[in-house]
Amino acid sequence: MRTRLIVAVVLAGLALVWLASATLYTVSEGQQALVVRLGAPIAVLAKPGLKVKAPLIDSVFTYDTRLLLLLPPTEQVILGDQKRLEAQPYARYRIVDPLRFYQALRTDEQARAQLSQIVSSSMRRELGRVSLAQLLTPERTTILNNVRDEVAAKSQPLGVEIDEVRFHRADLPFETSQAIYDRMKSERQREAKELRAQGFEWAQQIQSKADRERTAVLSDAQRDATILRGKGDAEASRLLSDAFARDETFYKFYRSVQSYKRSLADSNATLLLTPTSAFLQLLTSGPQPPAPAPK
């Protein structure tokens, strides 16, 4: 009897636990709940707290009220100028109408798949109208805003509000990138050759100008040197002429000594002279004074 009582108490406790779990549920902060009774939606609960439902016949679907991130896979898009672009967009959305969301999509997984298709088709359609150059200008923001507006319009019947659509990444395919790199490389090489040629031309011009200036400076210097040398020779001749005019005998003696010095300086020969030689008389007696003028 006692065993049966214990079993009954345990079964009653389990029944109460099951009844509580089947009847009570909670709505957390940042969530909203949709109550469905036998497949028909009956209530939308947005306030957080502990809620009650009918067991067995009521089902509760909770959806997040915060911004959710949608990251579709990367895909190749053909632009308006026939260039290819590997683009991966991302979108931020919010579930604003749980009833419409449940009727159209039911689950978050289905919603992500449907929204990914909408974003992909809108992105392809909009990028097919523009060129790659436009995506590299401030016009890119306008293009993405057009994609966002189109996605928002198509998502409204699903109970979803689109906050933004942007590019997570947008790169050229490897083949296109390599071709652009090769073209840029050849363009830079061509510019380098032009700059080298221009620099060589400038160097030739500078060298030619420097040579002309050097020739002019040397010519002027040689002219000035010739003029100064001529002036010096003229001054030397004048001084010699004055010296000759002052003392003709001494001047002749000095010139004779200078001549003997130059002629015998680098000679090792022995010179034999007679005592009456004019050279010896010049060295021993010096220059003879001039004879007095007759009265």
Protein backbone atom coordinates (compact mmCIF):
# COMPACT_ATOMS: atom_id res chain seq x y z
CA MET A 1 0.00 0.00 0.00
CA ARG A 2 2.78 2.34 0.94
CA THR A 3 4.66 1.59 -2.30
CA ARG A 4 1.58 2.39 -4.34
CA LEU A 5 1.26 5.71 -2.52
CA ILE A 6 4.86 6.65 -3.29
CA VAL A 7 4.42 5.72 -6.94
CA ALA A 8 1.24 7.80 -7.11
CA VAL A 9 2.98 10.81 -5.54
CA VAL A 10 5.88 10.52 -8.00
CA LEU A 11 3.52 10.23 -10.95
CA ALA A 12 1.54 13.21 -9.72
CA GLY A 13 4.74 15.24 -9.37
CA LEU A 14 5.80 14.31 -12.88
CA ALA A 15 2.37 15.22 -14.17
CA LEU A 16 2.60 18.61 -12.49
CA VAL A 17 6.05 19.23 -13.94
CA TRP A 18 4.85 18.27 -17.40
CA LEU A 19 1.74 20.42 -17.02
CA ALA A 20 3.84 23.40 -15.92
CA SER A 21 6.25 22.98 -18.83
CA ALA A 22 3.36 22.57 -21.27
CA THR A 23 1.43 25.54 -19.86
CA LEU A 24 4.11 28.11 -18.85
CA TYR A 25 6.70 29.79 -21.04
CA THR A 26 8.82 32.93 -20.86
CA VAL A 27 9.40 35.83 -23.24
CA SER A 28 12.86 37.31 -22.74
CA GLU A 29 14.08 40.86 -23.31
CA GLY A 30 14.69 41.39 -27.01
CA GLN A 31 12.14 38.73 -28.01
CA GLN A 32 8.54 38.62 -29.17
CA ALA A 33 6.28 35.59 -29.17
CA LEU A 34 3.56 34.37 -31.53
CA VAL A 35 0.99 31.96 -30.05
CA VAL A 36 -0.52 29.51 -32.55
CA ARG A 37 -3.50 27.36 -31.58
CA LEU A 38 -4.08 24.33 -33.77
CA GLY A 39 -2.23 26.08 -36.66
CA ALA A 40 -4.08 29.39 -36.33
CA PRO A 41 -2.24 32.41 -34.86
CA ILE A 42 -4.14 33.85 -31.90
CA ALA A 43 -1.82 36.32 -30.15
CA VAL A 44 1.40 38.31 -30.48
CA LEU A 45 3.19 38.99 -27.19
CA ALA A 46 5.89 41.67 -27.12
CA LYS A 47 6.23 42.27 -23.36
CA PRO A 48 8.79 40.10 -21.55
CA GLY A 49 7.76 37.90 -18.63
CA LEU A 50 6.17 34.58 -17.70
CA LYS A 51 3.24 33.61 -19.95
CA VAL A 52 0.54 30.90 -19.96
CA LYS A 53 -0.69 28.84 -22.90
CA ALA A 54 -3.09 25.98 -23.40
CA PRO A 55 -1.22 22.69 -23.24
CA LEU A 56 -1.14 20.40 -26.26
CA ILE A 57 -3.11 22.74 -28.51
CA ASP A 58 -0.98 25.91 -28.32
CA SER A 59 2.45 26.36 -29.88
CA VAL A 60 4.72 29.34 -29.19
CA PHE A 61 7.22 30.77 -31.72
CA THR A 62 9.71 33.33 -30.41
CA TYR A 63 11.49 35.80 -32.69
CA ASP A 64 14.29 38.25 -31.98
CA THR A 65 13.40 41.95 -32.01
CA ARG A 66 17.02 43.12 -32.34
CA LEU A 67 18.93 43.80 -35.54
CA LEU A 68 20.01 40.55 -37.17
CA LEU A 69 22.92 40.04 -39.54
CA LEU A 70 22.48 38.41 -42.94
CA LEU A 71 25.68 37.38 -44.73
CA PRO A 72 24.96 35.77 -48.12
CA PRO A 73 27.73 33.78 -49.85
CA THR A 74 30.21 35.41 -52.23
CA GLU A 75 29.22 35.36 -55.89
CA GLN A 76 30.44 36.74 -59.19
CA VAL A 77 28.51 39.66 -60.64
CA ILE A 78 28.80 41.04 -64.19
CA LEU A 79 28.88 44.84 -64.14
CA GLY A 80 27.47 47.19 -66.72
CA ASP A 81 30.88 47.49 -68.44
CA GLN A 82 31.09 43.67 -68.69
CA LYS A 83 33.70 43.42 -65.95
CA ARG A 84 33.35 40.73 -63.31
CA LEU A 85 33.26 41.40 -59.61
CA GLU A 86 33.34 38.97 -56.69
CA ALA A 87 30.92 40.55 -54.25
CA GLN A 88 29.65 39.49 -50.84
CA PRO A 89 26.96 41.79 -49.49
CA TYR A 90 25.65 41.88 -45.96
CA ALA A 91 22.35 43.12 -44.64
CA ARG A 92 20.92 44.03 -41.26
CA TYR A 93 17.25 43.36 -40.74
CA ARG A 94 14.67 43.29 -37.96
CA ILE A 95 11.48 41.22 -37.60
CA VAL A 96 8.73 43.81 -37.09
CA ASP A 97 5.62 41.71 -37.79
CA PRO A 98 5.79 38.21 -36.25
CA LEU A 99 2.44 37.20 -37.78
CA ARG A 100 3.48 37.99 -41.35
CA PHE A 101 6.89 36.48 -40.70
CA TYR A 102 5.28 33.25 -39.47
CA GLN A 103 2.82 33.09 -42.36
CA ALA A 104 5.50 33.76 -45.00
CA LEU A 105 8.66 32.19 -43.61
CA ARG A 106 7.96 30.34 -40.35
CA THR A 107 11.63 29.89 -39.28
CA ASP A 108 14.79 31.97 -39.14
CA GLU A 109 16.57 29.54 -41.47
CA GLN A 110 13.87 29.94 -44.11
CA ALA A 111 14.00 33.71 -43.63
CA ARG A 112 17.77 33.83 -44.17
CA ALA A 113 17.49 31.75 -47.34
CA GLN A 114 14.67 33.91 -48.74
CA LEU A 115 16.35 37.19 -47.85
CA SER A 116 19.66 36.01 -49.31
CA GLN A 117 17.93 35.40 -52.65
CA ILE A 118 16.28 38.83 -52.54
CA VAL A 119 19.57 40.59 -51.72
CA SER A 120 21.43 38.63 -54.40
CA SER A 121 18.91 39.36 -57.16
CA SER A 122 18.65 43.06 -56.24
CA MET A 123 22.43 43.40 -56.09
CA ARG A 124 22.85 41.72 -59.50
CA ARG A 125 20.19 43.90 -61.07
CA GLU A 126 21.65 47.16 -59.72
CA LEU A 127 25.31 46.33 -60.39
CA GLY A 128 24.41 45.26 -63.92
CA ARG A 129 23.61 48.92 -64.65
CA VAL A 130 26.85 50.50 -63.42
CA SER A 131 30.52 50.32 -64.30
CA LEU A 132 33.51 49.44 -62.15
CA ALA A 133 34.65 53.05 -62.19
CA GLN A 134 31.35 54.15 -60.62
CA LEU A 135 31.88 51.73 -57.73
CA LEU A 136 35.18 53.46 -56.97
CA THR A 137 33.54 56.87 -56.56
CA PRO A 138 31.16 58.35 -53.95
CA GLU A 139 28.37 57.14 -56.26
CA ARG A 140 28.87 53.72 -54.63
CA THR A 141 26.79 54.84 -51.65
CA THR A 142 23.88 55.75 -53.93
CA ILE A 143 24.12 52.36 -55.66
CA LEU A 144 23.98 50.47 -52.37
CA ASN A 145 21.09 52.64 -51.15
CA ASN A 146 19.17 51.66 -54.30
CA VAL A 147 19.83 47.99 -53.49
CA ARG A 148 18.66 48.53 -49.93
CA ASP A 149 15.44 50.26 -51.03
CA GLU A 150 14.61 47.45 -53.44
CA VAL A 151 15.33 44.75 -50.84
CA ALA A 152 13.27 46.65 -48.25
CA ALA A 153 10.30 46.88 -50.61
CA LYS A 154 10.42 43.14 -51.36
CA SER A 155 10.92 42.21 -47.69
CA GLN A 156 8.04 44.26 -46.29
CA PRO A 157 5.35 41.60 -47.06
CA LEU A 158 7.52 39.11 -45.12
CA GLY A 159 7.25 41.10 -41.89
CA VAL A 160 10.91 42.12 -42.11
CA GLU A 161 12.37 45.62 -42.03
CA ILE A 162 15.72 46.15 -43.78
CA ASP A 163 18.04 48.57 -42.00
CA GLU A 164 21.03 48.55 -44.36
CA VAL A 165 22.68 46.69 -47.21
CA ARG A 166 26.42 47.05 -47.73
CA PHE A 167 29.38 45.19 -49.23
CA HIS A 168 31.24 42.91 -46.87
CA ARG A 169 33.84 42.48 -49.61
CA ALA A 170 34.02 43.39 -53.28
CA ASP A 171 37.09 42.18 -55.16
CA LEU A 172 38.03 41.56 -58.73
CA PRO A 173 38.49 37.92 -59.76
CA PHE A 174 42.08 36.71 -59.71
CA GLU A 175 42.33 36.63 -63.52
CA THR A 176 41.03 40.18 -63.80
CA SER A 177 43.24 41.39 -60.96
CA GLN A 178 46.29 39.83 -62.61
CA ALA A 179 45.43 41.43 -65.96
CA ILE A 180 44.96 44.83 -64.31
CA TYR A 181 48.24 44.36 -62.40
CA ASP A 182 50.08 43.51 -65.63
CA ARG A 183 48.57 46.53 -67.37
CA MET A 184 49.50 48.80 -64.47
CA LYS A 185 53.02 47.34 -64.46
CA SER A 186 53.51 47.94 -68.19
CA GLU A 187 52.07 51.46 -67.81
CA ARG A 188 54.49 52.24 -64.98
CA GLN A 189 57.38 50.82 -67.02
CA ARG A 190 56.40 53.01 -69.96
CA GLU A 191 56.22 56.06 -67.69
CA ALA A 192 59.62 55.15 -66.22
CA LYS A 193 61.13 54.94 -69.72
CA GLU A 194 59.64 58.31 -70.62
CA LEU A 195 60.98 59.86 -67.43
CA ARG A 196 64.43 58.36 -68.04
CA ALA A 197 64.43 59.68 -71.61
CA GLN A 198 63.29 63.09 -70.40
CA GLY A 199 65.94 63.06 -67.68
CA PHE A 200 68.62 62.11 -70.23
CA GLU A 201 67.47 64.97 -72.46
CA TRP A 202 67.60 67.40 -69.53
CA ALA A 203 71.08 66.10 -68.64
CA GLN A 204 72.26 66.69 -72.20
CA GLN A 205 70.84 70.21 -72.13
CA ILE A 206 72.48 70.97 -68.79
CA GLN A 207 75.79 69.46 -69.95
CA SER A 208 75.66 71.46 -73.20
CA LYS A 209 74.89 74.65 -71.32
CA ALA A 210 77.72 73.97 -68.86
CA ASP A 211 80.15 73.32 -71.76
CA ARG A 212 79.12 76.58 -73.42
CA GLU A 213 79.56 78.49 -70.19
CA ARG A 214 82.93 76.80 -69.59
CA THR A 215 84.10 77.70 -73.10
CA ALA A 216 82.95 81.28 -72.63
CA VAL A 217 84.67 81.57 -69.24
CA LEU A 218 87.92 80.09 -70.59
CA SER A 219 87.77 82.37 -73.61
CA ASP A 220 87.25 85.41 -71.43
CA ALA A 221 90.04 84.29 -69.10
CA GLN A 222 92.45 83.71 -72.01
CA ARG A 223 91.54 87.09 -73.49
CA ASP A 224 92.09 88.82 -70.15
CA ALA A 225 95.36 86.90 -69.66
CA THR A 226 96.58 87.89 -73.12
CA ILE A 227 95.69 91.51 -72.46
CA LEU A 228 97.44 91.46 -69.08
CA ARG A 229 100.44 89.65 -70.53
CA GLY A 230 100.67 92.24 -73.27
CA LYS A 231 100.43 95.02 -70.74
CA GLY A 232 103.11 93.31 -68.63
CA ASP A 233 105.41 92.89 -71.61
CA ALA A 234 104.87 96.52 -72.55
CA GLU A 235 105.62 97.60 -69.00
CA ALA A 236 108.75 95.40 -68.92
CA SER A 237 109.92 96.87 -72.23
CA ARG A 238 109.33 100.36 -70.88
CA LEU A 239 111.28 99.61 -67.71
CA LEU A 240 114.13 98.10 -69.71
CA SER A 241 114.10 101.04 -72.03
CA ASP A 242 114.26 103.42 -69.07
CA ALA A 243 117.11 101.41 -67.52
CA PHE A 244 119.03 101.39 -70.81
CA ALA A 245 118.54 105.10 -71.18
CA ARG A 246 119.84 105.78 -67.63
CA ASP A 247 123.06 103.67 -67.86
CA GLU A 248 123.76 102.16 -71.23
CA THR A 249 127.11 100.63 -70.15
CA PHE A 250 125.71 98.84 -67.09
CA TYR A 251 122.74 97.61 -69.10
CA LYS A 252 125.05 96.07 -71.73
CA PHE A 253 127.16 94.53 -68.94
CA TYR A 254 124.06 93.04 -67.26
CA ARG A 255 122.72 91.59 -70.55
CA SER A 256 126.11 90.07 -71.33
CA VAL A 257 126.29 88.42 -67.91
CA GLN A 258 122.77 87.04 -68.34
CA SER A 259 123.70 85.64 -71.76
CA TYR A 260 126.85 83.96 -70.38
CA LYS A 261 124.83 82.54 -67.48
CA ARG A 262 122.21 81.00 -69.75
CA SER A 263 124.76 79.59 -72.16
CA LEU A 264 127.05 78.07 -69.53
CA ALA A 265 124.49 77.03 -66.89
CA ASP A 266 123.80 73.50 -68.21
CA SER A 267 127.24 72.93 -69.76
CA ASN A 268 130.08 70.90 -68.21
CA ALA A 269 132.66 71.86 -70.84
CA THR A 270 135.91 73.61 -69.91
CA LEU A 271 136.29 77.10 -71.39
CA LEU A 272 139.85 78.25 -72.19
CA LEU A 273 140.27 82.00 -72.48
CA THR A 274 143.24 84.30 -73.02
CA PRO A 275 144.06 86.95 -70.43
CA THR A 276 143.10 89.60 -72.89
CA SER A 277 139.69 88.03 -73.55
CA ALA A 278 136.85 90.50 -73.43
CA PHE A 279 134.86 88.09 -71.25
CA LEU A 280 137.61 87.95 -68.59
CA GLN A 281 138.09 91.69 -68.75
CA LEU A 282 134.36 92.11 -68.29
CA LEU A 283 134.39 89.88 -65.20
CA THR A 284 137.53 91.30 -63.65
CA SER A 285 137.24 94.97 -64.49
CA GLY A 286 133.51 95.42 -64.96
CA PRO A 287 132.01 97.63 -67.58
CA GLN A 288 134.24 100.43 -68.93
CA PRO A 289 132.93 103.89 -68.34
CA PRO A 290 132.01 105.76 -71.48
CA ALA A 291 134.54 108.09 -72.94
CA PRO A 292 134.07 111.79 -72.10
CA ALA A 293 132.53 113.85 -74.78
CA PRO A 294 134.97 116.23 -76.55
CA LYS A 295 134.76 119.83 -75.60
